[in-house]
Amino acid sequence: MKNTIKIERAIKNMTQESLAIEIGVSRQTINSIEKNRYIPSTVLALKISKVFDKSVNEIFELEEED
């Protein structure tokens, strides 16, 4: 699953740590999601989309192998 979290964080001048604190996870979780090593739960994906004021589909994109 592709995502644009790193880009969205840059636009908002956020660190992985500040995003993690805002949504209640560890910085390592954000890092793993950005590097496509972890697929977030629906609730977590919704929290991330709310922070960036975008739809889940604007931030996450299914790839063919998903």
PDB file of N, CA and C in Angstrom:
ATOM      1  N   MET A   1       0.849  -1.174   0.000  1.00  0.00           N
ATOM      2  CA  MET A   1       0.000   0.000   0.000  1.00  0.00           C
ATOM      3  C   MET A   1       0.896   1.239   0.000  1.00  0.00           C
ATOM      4  N   LYS A   2       0.744   2.060  -1.016  1.00  0.00           N
ATOM      5  CA  LYS A   2       1.492   3.314  -1.096  1.00  0.00           C
ATOM      6  C   LYS A   2       0.827   4.348  -0.200  1.00  0.00           C
ATOM      7  N   ASN A   3       1.622   5.317   0.250  1.00  0.00           N
ATOM      8  CA  ASN A   3       1.050   6.412   1.021  1.00  0.00           C
ATOM      9  C   ASN A   3       1.852   7.692   0.801  1.00  0.00           C
ATOM     10  N   THR A   4       1.232   8.803   1.137  1.00  0.00           N
ATOM     11  CA  THR A   4       1.870  10.112   0.974  1.00  0.00           C
ATOM     12  C   THR A   4       2.110  10.797   2.317  1.00  0.00           C
ATOM     13  N   ILE A   5       2.242  10.024   3.366  1.00  0.00           N
ATOM     14  CA  ILE A   5       2.392  10.601   4.702  1.00  0.00           C
ATOM     15  C   ILE A   5       3.628  11.485   4.797  1.00  0.00           C
ATOM     16  N   LYS A   6       4.742  11.028   4.265  1.00  0.00           N
ATOM     17  CA  LYS A   6       5.975  11.813   4.342  1.00  0.00           C
ATOM     18  C   LYS A   6       5.791  13.172   3.657  1.00  0.00           C
ATOM     19  N   ILE A   7       5.143  13.181   2.516  1.00  0.00           N
ATOM     20  CA  ILE A   7       4.880  14.424   1.786  1.00  0.00           C
ATOM     21  C   ILE A   7       3.937  15.324   2.585  1.00  0.00           C
ATOM     22  N   GLU A   8       2.878  14.720   3.110  1.00  0.00           N
ATOM     23  CA  GLU A   8       1.910  15.492   3.898  1.00  0.00           C
ATOM     24  C   GLU A   8       2.560  16.082   5.150  1.00  0.00           C
ATOM     25  N   ARG A   9       3.443  15.321   5.772  1.00  0.00           N
ATOM     26  CA  ARG A   9       4.159  15.848   6.945  1.00  0.00           C
ATOM     27  C   ARG A   9       5.031  17.037   6.560  1.00  0.00           C
ATOM     28  N   ALA A  10       5.712  16.937   5.419  1.00  0.00           N
ATOM     29  CA  ALA A  10       6.581  18.027   4.955  1.00  0.00           C
ATOM     30  C   ALA A  10       5.768  19.295   4.694  1.00  0.00           C
ATOM     31  N   ILE A  11       4.606  19.125   4.090  1.00  0.00           N
ATOM     32  CA  ILE A  11       3.734  20.277   3.809  1.00  0.00           C
ATOM     33  C   ILE A  11       3.341  20.976   5.106  1.00  0.00           C
ATOM     34  N   LYS A  12       3.055  20.182   6.139  1.00  0.00           N
ATOM     35  CA  LYS A  12       2.637  20.741   7.433  1.00  0.00           C
ATOM     36  C   LYS A  12       3.818  20.982   8.376  1.00  0.00           C
ATOM     37  N   ASN A  13       5.028  20.741   7.875  1.00  0.00           N
ATOM     38  CA  ASN A  13       6.242  20.920   8.678  1.00  0.00           C
ATOM     39  C   ASN A  13       6.165  20.123   9.987  1.00  0.00           C
ATOM     40  N   MET A  14       5.760  18.856   9.869  1.00  0.00           N
ATOM     41  CA  MET A  14       5.626  17.967  11.023  1.00  0.00           C
ATOM     42  C   MET A  14       6.727  16.919  11.005  1.00  0.00           C
ATOM     43  N   THR A  15       7.166  16.526  12.179  1.00  0.00           N
ATOM     44  CA  THR A  15       8.091  15.405  12.290  1.00  0.00           C
ATOM     45  C   THR A  15       7.285  14.125  12.461  1.00  0.00           C
ATOM     46  N   GLN A  16       7.957  13.001  12.307  1.00  0.00           N
ATOM     47  CA  GLN A  16       7.296  11.725  12.593  1.00  0.00           C
ATOM     48  C   GLN A  16       6.835  11.717  14.048  1.00  0.00           C
ATOM     49  N   GLU A  17       7.664  12.247  14.926  1.00  0.00           N
ATOM     50  CA  GLU A  17       7.348  12.266  16.358  1.00  0.00           C
ATOM     51  C   GLU A  17       6.090  13.089  16.642  1.00  0.00           C
ATOM     52  N   SER A  18       5.994  14.279  16.042  1.00  0.00           N
ATOM     53  CA  SER A  18       4.824  15.121  16.320  1.00  0.00           C
ATOM     54  C   SER A  18       3.536  14.491  15.777  1.00  0.00           C
ATOM     55  N   LEU A  19       3.621  13.864  14.607  1.00  0.00           N
ATOM     56  CA  LEU A  19       2.448  13.154  14.073  1.00  0.00           C
ATOM     57  C   LEU A  19       2.080  11.994  14.990  1.00  0.00           C
ATOM     58  N   ALA A  20       3.078  11.246  15.415  1.00  0.00           N
ATOM     59  CA  ALA A  20       2.834  10.099  16.298  1.00  0.00           C
ATOM     60  C   ALA A  20       2.131  10.523  17.582  1.00  0.00           C
ATOM     61  N   ILE A  21       2.600  11.593  18.178  1.00  0.00           N
ATOM     62  CA  ILE A  21       1.989  12.089  19.421  1.00  0.00           C
ATOM     63  C   ILE A  21       0.538  12.501  19.167  1.00  0.00           C
ATOM     64  N   GLU A  22       0.313  13.184  18.062  1.00  0.00           N
ATOM     65  CA  GLU A  22      -1.036  13.668  17.753  1.00  0.00           C
ATOM     66  C   GLU A  22      -2.048  12.544  17.572  1.00  0.00           C
ATOM     67  N   ILE A  23      -1.608  11.402  17.034  1.00  0.00           N
ATOM     68  CA  ILE A  23      -2.564  10.311  16.800  1.00  0.00           C
ATOM     69  C   ILE A  23      -2.422   9.160  17.806  1.00  0.00           C
ATOM     70  N   GLY A  24      -1.466   9.289  18.728  1.00  0.00           N
ATOM     71  CA  GLY A  24      -1.375   8.319  19.820  1.00  0.00           C
ATOM     72  C   GLY A  24      -0.657   7.024  19.496  1.00  0.00           C
ATOM     73  N   VAL A  25       0.379   7.112  18.654  1.00  0.00           N
ATOM     74  CA  VAL A  25       1.202   5.932  18.354  1.00  0.00           C
ATOM     75  C   VAL A  25       2.671   6.298  18.542  1.00  0.00           C
ATOM     76  N   SER A  26       3.556   5.343  18.318  1.00  0.00           N
ATOM     77  CA  SER A  26       4.986   5.629  18.436  1.00  0.00           C
ATOM     78  C   SER A  26       5.536   6.194  17.131  1.00  0.00           C
ATOM     79  N   ARG A  27       6.671   6.865  17.236  1.00  0.00           N
ATOM     80  CA  ARG A  27       7.343   7.366  16.044  1.00  0.00           C
ATOM     81  C   ARG A  27       7.717   6.211  15.128  1.00  0.00           C
ATOM     82  N   GLN A  28       8.079   5.074  15.722  1.00  0.00           N
ATOM     83  CA  GLN A  28       8.443   3.896  14.935  1.00  0.00           C
ATOM     84  C   GLN A  28       7.270   3.397  14.094  1.00  0.00           C
ATOM     85  N   THR A  29       6.056   3.526  14.615  1.00  0.00           N
ATOM     86  CA  THR A  29       4.868   3.131  13.851  1.00  0.00           C
ATOM     87  C   THR A  29       4.719   4.007  12.624  1.00  0.00           C
ATOM     88  N   ILE A  30       4.897   5.306  12.790  1.00  0.00           N
ATOM     89  CA  ILE A  30       4.809   6.230  11.651  1.00  0.00           C
ATOM     90  C   ILE A  30       5.888   5.891  10.628  1.00  0.00           C
ATOM     91  N   ASN A  31       7.093   5.639  11.100  1.00  0.00           N
ATOM     92  CA  ASN A  31       8.196   5.276  10.213  1.00  0.00           C
ATOM     93  C   ASN A  31       7.862   4.019   9.424  1.00  0.00           C
ATOM     94  N   SER A  32       7.332   3.013  10.100  1.00  0.00           N
ATOM     95  CA  SER A  32       6.980   1.747   9.438  1.00  0.00           C
ATOM     96  C   SER A  32       5.872   1.926   8.409  1.00  0.00           C
ATOM     97  N   ILE A  33       4.900   2.763   8.713  1.00  0.00           N
ATOM     98  CA  ILE A  33       3.823   3.026   7.749  1.00  0.00           C
ATOM     99  C   ILE A  33       4.392   3.735   6.527  1.00  0.00           C
ATOM    100  N   GLU A  34       5.223   4.754   6.755  1.00  0.00           N
ATOM    101  CA  GLU A  34       5.807   5.505   5.635  1.00  0.00           C
ATOM    102  C   GLU A  34       6.636   4.606   4.723  1.00  0.00           C
ATOM    103  N   LYS A  35       7.309   3.624   5.310  1.00  0.00           N
ATOM    104  CA  LYS A  35       8.179   2.733   4.535  1.00  0.00           C
ATOM    105  C   LYS A  35       7.448   1.478   4.048  1.00  0.00           C
ATOM    106  N   ASN A  36       6.138   1.486   4.183  1.00  0.00           N
ATOM    107  CA  ASN A  36       5.293   0.379   3.710  1.00  0.00           C
ATOM    108  C   ASN A  36       5.618  -0.957   4.375  1.00  0.00           C
ATOM    109  N   ARG A  37       6.099  -0.907   5.606  1.00  0.00           N
ATOM    110  CA  ARG A  37       6.349  -2.142   6.353  1.00  0.00           C
ATOM    111  C   ARG A  37       5.176  -2.496   7.271  1.00  0.00           C
ATOM    112  N   TYR A  38       4.251  -1.555   7.424  1.00  0.00           N
ATOM    113  CA  TYR A  38       3.103  -1.762   8.311  1.00  0.00           C
ATOM    114  C   TYR A  38       1.883  -1.104   7.672  1.00  0.00           C
ATOM    115  N   ILE A  39       0.805  -1.846   7.574  1.00  0.00           N
ATOM    116  CA  ILE A  39      -0.454  -1.307   7.048  1.00  0.00           C
ATOM    117  C   ILE A  39      -1.309  -0.911   8.250  1.00  0.00           C
ATOM    118  N   PRO A  40      -1.674   0.357   8.333  1.00  0.00           N
ATOM    119  CA  PRO A  40      -2.421   0.817   9.509  1.00  0.00           C
ATOM    120  C   PRO A  40      -3.845   0.274   9.548  1.00  0.00           C
ATOM    121  N   SER A  41      -4.370   0.212  10.748  1.00  0.00           N
ATOM    122  CA  SER A  41      -5.777  -0.169  10.921  1.00  0.00           C
ATOM    123  C   SER A  41      -6.653   0.932  10.320  1.00  0.00           C
ATOM    124  N   THR A  42      -7.911   0.624  10.155  1.00  0.00           N
ATOM    125  CA  THR A  42      -8.857   1.609   9.632  1.00  0.00           C
ATOM    126  C   THR A  42      -8.913   2.836  10.535  1.00  0.00           C
ATOM    127  N   VAL A  43      -8.955   2.612  11.829  1.00  0.00           N
ATOM    128  CA  VAL A  43      -9.025   3.718  12.786  1.00  0.00           C
ATOM    129  C   VAL A  43      -7.784   4.591  12.674  1.00  0.00           C
ATOM    130  N   LEU A  44      -6.621   3.969  12.599  1.00  0.00           N
ATOM    131  CA  LEU A  44      -5.375   4.723  12.486  1.00  0.00           C
ATOM    132  C   LEU A  44      -5.319   5.500  11.166  1.00  0.00           C
ATOM    133  N   ALA A  45      -5.738   4.886  10.084  1.00  0.00           N
ATOM    134  CA  ALA A  45      -5.765   5.566   8.786  1.00  0.00           C
ATOM    135  C   ALA A  45      -6.706   6.771   8.835  1.00  0.00           C
ATOM    136  N   LEU A  46      -7.832   6.625   9.508  1.00  0.00           N
ATOM    137  CA  LEU A  46      -8.775   7.738   9.643  1.00  0.00           C
ATOM    138  C   LEU A  46      -8.179   8.865  10.486  1.00  0.00           C
ATOM    139  N   LYS A  47      -7.470   8.517  11.546  1.00  0.00           N
ATOM    140  CA  LYS A  47      -6.816   9.541  12.379  1.00  0.00           C
ATOM    141  C   LYS A  47      -5.777  10.307  11.570  1.00  0.00           C
ATOM    142  N   ILE A  48      -4.997   9.588  10.783  1.00  0.00           N
ATOM    143  CA  ILE A  48      -3.975  10.231   9.951  1.00  0.00           C
ATOM    144  C   ILE A  48      -4.635  11.159   8.938  1.00  0.00           C
ATOM    145  N   SER A  49      -5.692  10.699   8.295  1.00  0.00           N
ATOM    146  CA  SER A  49      -6.367  11.527   7.296  1.00  0.00           C
ATOM    147  C   SER A  49      -6.968  12.783   7.930  1.00  0.00           C
ATOM    148  N   LYS A  50      -7.436  12.665   9.149  1.00  0.00           N
ATOM    149  CA  LYS A  50      -8.005  13.821   9.845  1.00  0.00           C
ATOM    150  C   LYS A  50      -6.936  14.870  10.135  1.00  0.00           C
ATOM    151  N   VAL A  51      -5.754  14.435  10.552  1.00  0.00           N
ATOM    152  CA  VAL A  51      -4.658  15.364  10.830  1.00  0.00           C
ATOM    153  C   VAL A  51      -4.330  16.189   9.589  1.00  0.00           C
ATOM    154  N   PHE A  52      -4.315  15.547   8.430  1.00  0.00           N
ATOM    155  CA  PHE A  52      -3.943  16.228   7.197  1.00  0.00           C
ATOM    156  C   PHE A  52      -5.136  16.810   6.438  1.00  0.00           C
ATOM    157  N   ASP A  53      -6.336  16.644   7.000  1.00  0.00           N
ATOM    158  CA  ASP A  53      -7.559  17.159   6.394  1.00  0.00           C
ATOM    159  C   ASP A  53      -7.710  16.683   4.949  1.00  0.00           C
ATOM    160  N   LYS A  54      -7.466  15.387   4.770  1.00  0.00           N
ATOM    161  CA  LYS A  54      -7.596  14.741   3.456  1.00  0.00           C
ATOM    162  C   LYS A  54      -8.372  13.442   3.650  1.00  0.00           C
ATOM    163  N   SER A  55      -8.894  12.915   2.566  1.00  0.00           N
ATOM    164  CA  SER A  55      -9.576  11.623   2.659  1.00  0.00           C
ATOM    165  C   SER A  55      -8.525  10.511   2.771  1.00  0.00           C
ATOM    166  N   VAL A  56      -8.939   9.378   3.284  1.00  0.00           N
ATOM    167  CA  VAL A  56      -8.048   8.223   3.381  1.00  0.00           C
ATOM    168  C   VAL A  56      -7.514   7.862   2.000  1.00  0.00           C
ATOM    169  N   ASN A  57      -8.373   7.944   0.991  1.00  0.00           N
ATOM    170  CA  ASN A  57      -7.962   7.604  -0.373  1.00  0.00           C
ATOM    171  C   ASN A  57      -6.932   8.571  -0.948  1.00  0.00           C
ATOM    172  N   GLU A  58      -6.881   9.786  -0.433  1.00  0.00           N
ATOM    173  CA  GLU A  58      -5.875  10.741  -0.883  1.00  0.00           C
ATOM    174  C   GLU A  58      -4.507  10.443  -0.272  1.00  0.00           C
ATOM    175  N   ILE A  59      -4.492   9.772   0.858  1.00  0.00           N
ATOM    176  CA  ILE A  59      -3.238   9.478   1.552  1.00  0.00           C
ATOM    177  C   ILE A  59      -2.747   8.065   1.275  1.00  0.00           C
ATOM    178  N   PHE A  60      -3.674   7.123   1.186  1.00  0.00           N
ATOM    179  CA  PHE A  60      -3.312   5.713   0.975  1.00  0.00           C
ATOM    180  C   PHE A  60      -3.840   5.220  -0.368  1.00  0.00           C
ATOM    181  N   GLU A  61      -3.024   4.441  -1.044  1.00  0.00           N
ATOM    182  CA  GLU A  61      -3.418   3.886  -2.338  1.00  0.00           C
ATOM    183  C   GLU A  61      -3.051   2.411  -2.388  1.00  0.00           C
ATOM    184  N   LEU A  62      -4.026   1.585  -2.706  1.00  0.00           N
ATOM    185  CA  LEU A  62      -3.757   0.158  -2.839  1.00  0.00           C
ATOM    186  C   LEU A  62      -2.883  -0.097  -4.064  1.00  0.00           C
ATOM    187  N   GLU A  63      -1.954  -1.021  -3.917  1.00  0.00           N
ATOM    188  CA  GLU A  63      -1.138  -1.429  -5.047  1.00  0.00           C
ATOM    189  C   GLU A  63      -1.670  -2.763  -5.544  1.00  0.00           C
ATOM    190  N   GLU A  64      -1.276  -3.152  -6.716  1.00  0.00           N
ATOM    191  CA  GLU A  64      -1.796  -4.383  -7.323  1.00  0.00           C
ATOM    192  C   GLU A  64      -1.615  -5.601  -6.438  1.00  0.00           C
ATOM    193  N   GLU A  65      -0.479  -5.687  -5.741  1.00  0.00           N
ATOM    194  CA  GLU A  65      -0.204  -6.869  -4.925  1.00  0.00           C
ATOM    195  C   GLU A  65      -0.943  -6.879  -3.591  1.00  0.00           C
ATOM    196  N   ASP A  66      -1.626  -5.778  -3.235  1.00  0.00           N
ATOM    197  CA  ASP A  66      -2.329  -5.709  -1.950  1.00  0.00           C
ATOM    198  C   ASP A  66      -3.581  -6.514  -1.961  1.00  0.00           C
TER     199      ASP A  66
END
